[in-house]
Amino acid sequence: MNAQFGCGMQDYVFAGNNAATQAAIAQHVRDALTNYEPRIELLDVRVSAGGDLDNALLVAIDYRILDNNAMHNLVYPFYITEGEVG
C-alpha cells in the first residue's frame, strides 16, 4: 500500500525505444530493487531492445540471494507500445 513502491515502468509505455529510455528504465529498476528488496544483492541491471520487436525492451536482472548466496537471473519483457501492430 506504499504509493512509492515499484519502479515507474508505466511512465515509459509510449516512450521511444532508444538508449536514453533504456538507461532511464535500468536506473529506475536498480533504484527500486535497492530500496524495496533487502533480501538480495543486486549484481546488474541491463535493458536492451527486444530483438525483432521494435516495441519491446528486455530488462535483465542479475542478483544474489543473501541468505544462501545463490545467484539468479530474471529477464522481463516490457512492451513500450502495447497493443500496437507493426
Protein backbone atom coordinates (compact mmCIF):
# COMPACT_ATOMS: atom_id res chain seq x y z
CA MET A 1 0.00 0.00 0.00
CA ASN A 2 3.02 2.25 -0.45
CA ALA A 3 2.34 4.71 -3.28
CA GLN A 4 6.08 4.96 -3.95
CA PHE A 5 6.51 1.19 -4.37
CA GLY A 6 7.67 -0.05 -7.77
CA CYS A 7 9.86 1.37 -10.46
CA GLY A 8 7.52 3.56 -12.50
CA MET A 9 7.58 1.49 -15.69
CA GLN A 10 4.13 2.80 -16.62
CA ASP A 11 5.75 6.17 -17.33
CA TYR A 12 7.58 4.61 -20.29
CA VAL A 13 4.70 2.84 -22.06
CA PHE A 14 4.80 5.26 -25.01
CA ALA A 15 8.48 6.24 -24.81
CA GLY A 16 10.81 5.73 -27.73
CA ASN A 17 12.90 2.58 -27.87
CA ASN A 18 16.29 4.27 -27.63
CA ALA A 19 19.40 4.37 -25.45
CA ALA A 20 18.05 7.18 -23.25
CA THR A 21 14.85 5.26 -22.43
CA GLN A 22 16.80 2.07 -21.80
CA ALA A 23 19.22 3.83 -19.43
CA ALA A 24 16.38 5.54 -17.53
CA ILE A 25 14.46 2.27 -17.09
CA ALA A 26 17.61 0.47 -15.93
CA GLN A 27 18.21 3.15 -13.29
CA HIS A 28 14.59 3.06 -12.08
CA VAL A 29 14.69 -0.74 -11.77
CA ARG A 30 18.05 -0.57 -9.96
CA ASP A 31 16.72 2.05 -7.52
CA ALA A 32 13.50 0.12 -6.83
CA LEU A 33 15.30 -3.16 -6.15
CA THR A 34 17.84 -1.46 -3.92
CA ASN A 35 15.11 0.33 -1.95
CA TYR A 36 12.44 -2.37 -1.71
CA GLU A 37 14.19 -5.76 -1.82
CA PRO A 38 16.59 -6.14 1.13
CA ARG A 39 16.87 -9.92 0.66
CA ILE A 40 19.07 -9.62 -2.42
CA GLU A 41 22.37 -8.19 -3.52
CA LEU A 42 21.79 -6.57 -6.89
CA LEU A 43 24.58 -7.51 -9.28
CA ASP A 44 23.47 -5.96 -12.56
CA VAL A 45 20.52 -4.50 -14.46
CA ARG A 46 20.60 -4.38 -18.25
CA VAL A 47 17.94 -3.09 -20.62
CA SER A 48 18.11 -3.86 -24.33
CA ALA A 49 15.91 -3.81 -27.41
CA GLY A 50 13.63 -6.84 -27.71
CA GLY A 51 15.26 -8.37 -30.78
CA ASP A 52 12.90 -8.29 -33.76
CA LEU A 53 10.22 -6.45 -31.79
CA ASP A 54 10.58 -2.67 -32.11
CA ASN A 55 8.09 -2.12 -29.31
CA ALA A 56 9.75 -4.36 -26.70
CA LEU A 57 12.54 -3.91 -24.20
CA LEU A 58 14.16 -6.75 -22.28
CA VAL A 59 15.05 -6.00 -18.68
CA ALA A 60 17.69 -8.44 -17.40
CA ILE A 61 18.34 -8.52 -13.65
CA ASP A 62 21.23 -10.42 -12.06
CA TYR A 63 21.05 -10.83 -8.30
CA ARG A 64 22.26 -12.92 -5.39
CA ILE A 65 20.01 -14.11 -2.56
CA LEU A 66 21.76 -13.05 0.64
CA ASP A 67 20.53 -15.94 2.83
CA ASN A 68 22.10 -18.70 0.76
CA ASN A 69 24.39 -16.87 -1.69
CA ALA A 70 22.54 -18.39 -4.70
CA MET A 71 22.82 -16.39 -7.91
CA HIS A 72 19.83 -15.93 -10.22
CA ASN A 73 18.89 -14.11 -13.40
CA LEU A 74 15.50 -12.77 -14.42
CA VAL A 75 14.60 -11.40 -17.86
CA TYR A 76 11.36 -9.46 -18.04
CA PRO A 77 9.92 -8.31 -21.41
CA PHE A 78 8.42 -4.82 -21.30
CA TYR A 79 6.31 -3.63 -24.25
CA ILE A 80 6.60 0.12 -24.72
CA THR A 81 3.74 0.31 -27.24
CA GLU A 82 1.47 -2.48 -26.04
CA GLY A 83 -1.24 -3.41 -28.49
CA GLU A 84 0.33 -1.63 -31.44
CA VAL A 85 0.84 -3.81 -34.51
CA GLY A 86 3.87 -3.41 -36.73
